[in-house]
C-alpha atoms as a PDB file:
ATOM      1  CA  MET A   1      -0.018  -0.131   0.136  1.00  0.00           C
ATOM      2  CA  LEU A   2       1.009   3.490  -0.453  1.00  0.00           C
ATOM      3  CA  GLN A   3       1.685   5.773   2.549  1.00  0.00           C
ATOM      4  CA  PRO A   4       4.012   8.698   3.101  1.00  0.00           C
ATOM      5  CA  ARG A   5       7.394   7.641   4.688  1.00  0.00           C
ATOM      6  CA  ARG A   6       7.375  10.184   7.432  1.00  0.00           C
ATOM      7  CA  THR A   7       5.175  13.511   8.120  1.00  0.00           C
ATOM      8  CA  LYS A   8       5.576  16.545   9.747  1.00  0.00           C
ATOM      9  CA  PHE A   9       2.554  15.983  11.838  1.00  0.00           C
ATOM     10  CA  ARG A  10       0.671  12.407  12.894  1.00  0.00           C
ATOM     11  CA  LYS A  11      -3.136  13.372  12.578  1.00  0.00           C
ATOM     12  CA  GLN A  12      -4.792  15.866  10.384  1.00  0.00           C
ATOM     13  CA  HIS A  13      -8.186  17.802  10.661  1.00  0.00           C
ATOM     14  CA  ARG A  14     -11.009  16.233   7.898  1.00  0.00           C
ATOM     15  CA  GLY A  15     -10.682  19.177   5.524  1.00  0.00           C
ATOM     16  CA  LYS A  16     -12.932  20.457   2.597  1.00  0.00           C
ATOM     17  CA  MET A  17     -12.885  19.225  -0.785  1.00  0.00           C
ATOM     18  CA  LYS A  18     -15.061  22.250  -2.418  1.00  0.00           C
ATOM     19  CA  GLY A  19     -14.483  23.399  -5.850  1.00  0.00           C
ATOM     20  CA  VAL A  20     -12.542  22.029  -9.026  1.00  0.00           C
ATOM     21  CA  SER A  21      -9.329  20.593  -8.923  1.00  0.00           C
ATOM     22  CA  ASN A  22      -7.007  23.055 -11.318  1.00  0.00           C
ATOM     23  CA  ARG A  23      -3.440  21.127 -10.385  1.00  0.00           C
ATOM     24  CA  GLY A  24      -3.616  17.713 -12.128  1.00  0.00           C
ATOM     25  CA  SER A  25      -6.653  18.140 -13.946  1.00  0.00           C
ATOM     26  CA  ALA A  26      -4.798  17.795 -17.566  1.00  0.00           C
ATOM     27  CA  LEU A  27      -3.272  14.677 -19.067  1.00  0.00           C
ATOM     28  CA  ALA A  28       0.448  14.985 -18.413  1.00  0.00           C
ATOM     29  CA  PHE A  29       2.091  11.602 -19.449  1.00  0.00           C
ATOM     30  CA  GLY A  30      -0.083   9.316 -21.243  1.00  0.00           C
ATOM     31  CA  ASP A  31      -2.450   9.122 -23.881  1.00  0.00           C
ATOM     32  CA  PHE A  32      -5.593   8.082 -22.113  1.00  0.00           C
ATOM     33  CA  GLY A  33      -6.469   9.033 -18.345  1.00  0.00           C
ATOM     34  CA  LEU A  34      -9.235   8.648 -15.844  1.00  0.00           C
ATOM     35  CA  LYS A  35     -10.896  11.599 -14.382  1.00  0.00           C
ATOM     36  CA  ALA A  36     -12.900  12.437 -11.303  1.00  0.00           C
ATOM     37  CA  VAL A  37     -16.385  13.751 -11.845  1.00  0.00           C
ATOM     38  CA  ASP A  38     -16.958  13.740  -8.109  1.00  0.00           C
ATOM     39  CA  ALA A  39     -14.992  14.717  -5.008  1.00  0.00           C
ATOM     40  CA  SER A  40     -14.236  11.940  -2.368  1.00  0.00           C
ATOM     41  CA  TRP A  41     -11.361  10.709  -0.195  1.00  0.00           C
ATOM     42  CA  VAL A  42      -9.591   7.559  -2.112  1.00  0.00           C
ATOM     43  CA  THR A  43      -7.915   5.258   0.271  1.00  0.00           C
ATOM     44  CA  SER A  44      -4.297   3.621  -0.602  1.00  0.00           C
ATOM     45  CA  ARG A  45      -6.344   0.281  -1.066  1.00  0.00           C
ATOM     46  CA  GLN A  46      -8.545   1.679  -3.657  1.00  0.00           C
ATOM     47  CA  ILE A  47      -5.391   2.943  -5.525  1.00  0.00           C
ATOM     48  CA  GLU A  48      -3.512  -0.332  -5.389  1.00  0.00           C
ATOM     49  CA  SER A  49      -6.813  -2.249  -6.517  1.00  0.00           C
ATOM     50  CA  GLY A  50      -7.253   0.004  -9.508  1.00  0.00           C
ATOM     51  CA  ARG A  51      -3.692  -0.068 -10.499  1.00  0.00           C
ATOM     52  CA  ARG A  52      -3.845  -3.868 -10.327  1.00  0.00           C
ATOM     53  CA  ALA A  53      -6.905  -3.927 -12.675  1.00  0.00           C
ATOM     54  CA  ILE A  54      -4.992  -2.020 -15.001  1.00  0.00           C
ATOM     55  CA  THR A  55      -1.691  -3.723 -15.394  1.00  0.00           C
ATOM     56  CA  GLY A  56      -3.743  -7.272 -15.093  1.00  0.00           C
ATOM     57  CA  TYR A  57      -5.945  -6.263 -18.425  1.00  0.00           C
ATOM     58  CA  VAL A  58      -3.102  -4.657 -20.390  1.00  0.00           C
ATOM     59  CA  GLN A  59      -0.618  -7.619 -19.413  1.00  0.00           C
ATOM     60  CA  ARG A  60       3.098  -6.548 -19.655  1.00  0.00           C
ATOM     61  CA  GLY A  61       1.904  -3.817 -22.302  1.00  0.00           C
ATOM     62  CA  GLY A  62       2.182   0.204 -21.811  1.00  0.00           C
ATOM     63  CA  GLN A  63       3.116   2.563 -19.018  1.00  0.00           C
ATOM     64  CA  VAL A  64       0.593   3.365 -16.355  1.00  0.00           C
ATOM     65  CA  TRP A  65       0.974   6.313 -13.873  1.00  0.00           C
ATOM     66  CA  ILE A  66      -0.395   6.962 -10.776  1.00  0.00           C
ATOM     67  CA  ARG A  67      -1.337  10.914 -10.271  1.00  0.00           C
ATOM     68  CA  ILE A  68      -2.496  10.668  -6.682  1.00  0.00           C
ATOM     69  CA  PHE A  69      -0.931   9.919  -3.456  1.00  0.00           C
ATOM     70  CA  PRO A  70      -2.347   9.288   0.000  1.00  0.00           C
ATOM     71  CA  ASP A  71      -1.013  11.714   2.407  1.00  0.00           C
ATOM     72  CA  LYS A  72      -3.832  12.501   4.495  1.00  0.00           C
ATOM     73  CA  PRO A  73      -3.941  10.118   7.380  1.00  0.00           C
ATOM     74  CA  VAL A  74      -7.409   8.842   8.776  1.00  0.00           C
ATOM     75  CA  SER A  75      -7.976   8.253  12.726  1.00  0.00           C
ATOM     76  CA  SER A  76     -10.518   5.813  13.613  1.00  0.00           C
ATOM     77  CA  ARG A  77     -11.207   4.566  17.693  1.00  0.00           C
ATOM     78  CA  PRO A  78     -11.490   1.071  18.598  1.00  0.00           C
ATOM     79  CA  ALA A  79     -15.141  -0.426  18.475  1.00  0.00           C
ATOM     80  CA  GLU A  80     -17.114  -0.220  21.335  1.00  0.00           C
ATOM     81  CA  THR A  81     -14.988   2.544  23.075  1.00  0.00           C
ATOM     82  CA  ARG A  82     -16.620   5.158  25.160  1.00  0.00           C
ATOM     83  CA  MET A  83     -16.117   9.044  24.016  1.00  0.00           C
ATOM     84  CA  GLY A  84     -13.406  11.161  25.083  1.00  0.00           C
ATOM     85  CA  GLY A  85      -9.841  10.117  25.496  1.00  0.00           C
ATOM     86  CA  GLY A  86      -8.820  12.014  22.563  1.00  0.00           C
ATOM     87  CA  LYS A  87      -8.179  11.454  18.817  1.00  0.00           C
ATOM     88  CA  GLY A  88      -8.247   7.918  17.662  1.00  0.00           C
ATOM     89  CA  ALA A  89      -4.646   6.160  16.167  1.00  0.00           C
ATOM     90  CA  VAL A  90      -4.061   6.824  12.181  1.00  0.00           C
ATOM     91  CA  ASP A  91      -6.122   3.784  10.815  1.00  0.00           C
ATOM     92  CA  HIS A  92      -5.514   4.443   7.168  1.00  0.00           C
ATOM     93  CA  TRP A  93      -4.107   6.650   4.446  1.00  0.00           C
ATOM     94  CA  VAL A  94      -6.376   8.621   1.846  1.00  0.00           C
ATOM     95  CA  ALA A  95      -6.034  10.820  -1.096  1.00  0.00           C
ATOM     96  CA  PRO A  96      -8.420  13.837  -1.120  1.00  0.00           C
ATOM     97  CA  VAL A  97      -9.493  13.771  -4.582  1.00  0.00           C
ATOM     98  CA  ARG A  98     -11.454  16.855  -6.154  1.00  0.00           C
ATOM     99  CA  ARG A  99     -13.626  17.147  -9.095  1.00  0.00           C
ATOM    100  CA  GLY A 100     -11.707  17.266 -12.174  1.00  0.00           C
ATOM    101  CA  ARG A 101      -8.351  15.245 -10.889  1.00  0.00           C
ATOM    102  CA  ILE A 102      -6.610  12.999 -13.272  1.00  0.00           C
ATOM    103  CA  ILE A 103      -6.044   9.860 -11.216  1.00  0.00           C
ATOM    104  CA  TYR A 104      -4.294   7.177 -13.828  1.00  0.00           C
ATOM    105  CA  GLU A 105      -2.673   7.644 -17.021  1.00  0.00           C
ATOM    106  CA  ILE A 106      -1.993   4.897 -19.703  1.00  0.00           C
ATOM    107  CA  ALA A 107       0.364   5.267 -22.963  1.00  0.00           C
ATOM    108  CA  ASP A 108       1.551   2.657 -25.590  1.00  0.00           C
ATOM    109  CA  VAL A 109      -1.586   0.863 -25.406  1.00  0.00           C
ATOM    110  CA  SER A 110      -4.519   0.458 -28.057  1.00  0.00           C
ATOM    111  CA  GLU A 111      -7.443   2.788 -27.342  1.00  0.00           C
ATOM    112  CA  ALA A 112      -9.867  -0.188 -27.139  1.00  0.00           C
ATOM    113  CA  ALA A 113      -7.551  -1.654 -24.356  1.00  0.00           C
ATOM    114  CA  ALA A 114      -6.628   1.487 -22.296  1.00  0.00           C
ATOM    115  CA  ARG A 115     -10.563   2.416 -22.296  1.00  0.00           C
ATOM    116  CA  GLU A 116     -11.369  -1.079 -20.735  1.00  0.00           C
ATOM    117  CA  ALA A 117      -8.442  -1.107 -18.377  1.00  0.00           C
ATOM    118  CA  LEU A 118      -9.500   2.255 -17.005  1.00  0.00           C
ATOM    119  CA  ARG A 119     -13.141   1.212 -17.019  1.00  0.00           C
ATOM    120  CA  ARG A 120     -11.993  -1.651 -14.738  1.00  0.00           C
ATOM    121  CA  ALA A 121      -9.935   0.698 -12.594  1.00  0.00           C
ATOM    122  CA  GLY A 122     -13.217   3.194 -12.325  1.00  0.00           C
ATOM    123  CA  ALA A 123     -15.108   0.468 -10.818  1.00  0.00           C
ATOM    124  CA  LYS A 124     -13.068   0.429  -7.843  1.00  0.00           C
ATOM    125  CA  PHE A 125     -13.536   4.295  -6.679  1.00  0.00           C
ATOM    126  CA  PRO A 126     -16.216   5.509  -4.515  1.00  0.00           C
ATOM    127  CA  MET A 127     -17.037   8.244  -6.902  1.00  0.00           C
ATOM    128  CA  ALA A 128     -18.075   8.684 -10.620  1.00  0.00           C
ATOM    129  CA  VAL A 129     -15.153   8.973 -12.921  1.00  0.00           C
ATOM    130  CA  LYS A 130     -14.900   9.397 -16.820  1.00  0.00           C
ATOM    131  CA  ILE A 131     -12.307   8.314 -19.379  1.00  0.00           C
ATOM    132  CA  VAL A 132     -10.323  10.961 -20.841  1.00  0.00           C
ATOM    133  CA  SER A 133      -7.895  11.036 -23.888  1.00  0.00           C
ATOM    134  CA  ARG A 134      -5.651  13.596 -25.547  1.00  0.00           C
ATOM    135  CA  ALA A 135      -7.599  13.672 -28.543  1.00  0.00           C
ATOM    136  CA  ASP A 136     -10.258  15.091 -26.652  1.00  0.00           C
ATOM    137  CA  GLU A 137      -8.460  17.835 -25.165  1.00  0.00           C
ATOM    138  CA  LEU A 138      -7.349  19.074 -28.611  1.00  0.00           C
END
């Protein structure tokens, strides 16, 4: 799973995900990409699951870039614990993804294979996604 090697602070506030993503909203490396239509937290497990779906479908073909990184710690308290006693320990890591953010990019595969691989990866996420291509951006 992806997670930072070290952070300045152990725990973070939840924060807001309003608005549209300006950074990371255009294809930078590949020919096809998976773009977020809604905002959501994406866990490191979901990112890895999507990556495996893509690489498993293209089978040693093409290149894949992951454009998001889970750098936000999410804490949770143990089950059946009373209120109080402070904030819980870090449970997992998430990447806050806003609308318009590119999640994956893929190159060096046919259009049909790229679209099917990205469709399979998109099924792993808690929000709606769409497939974009370089031809769409021109």
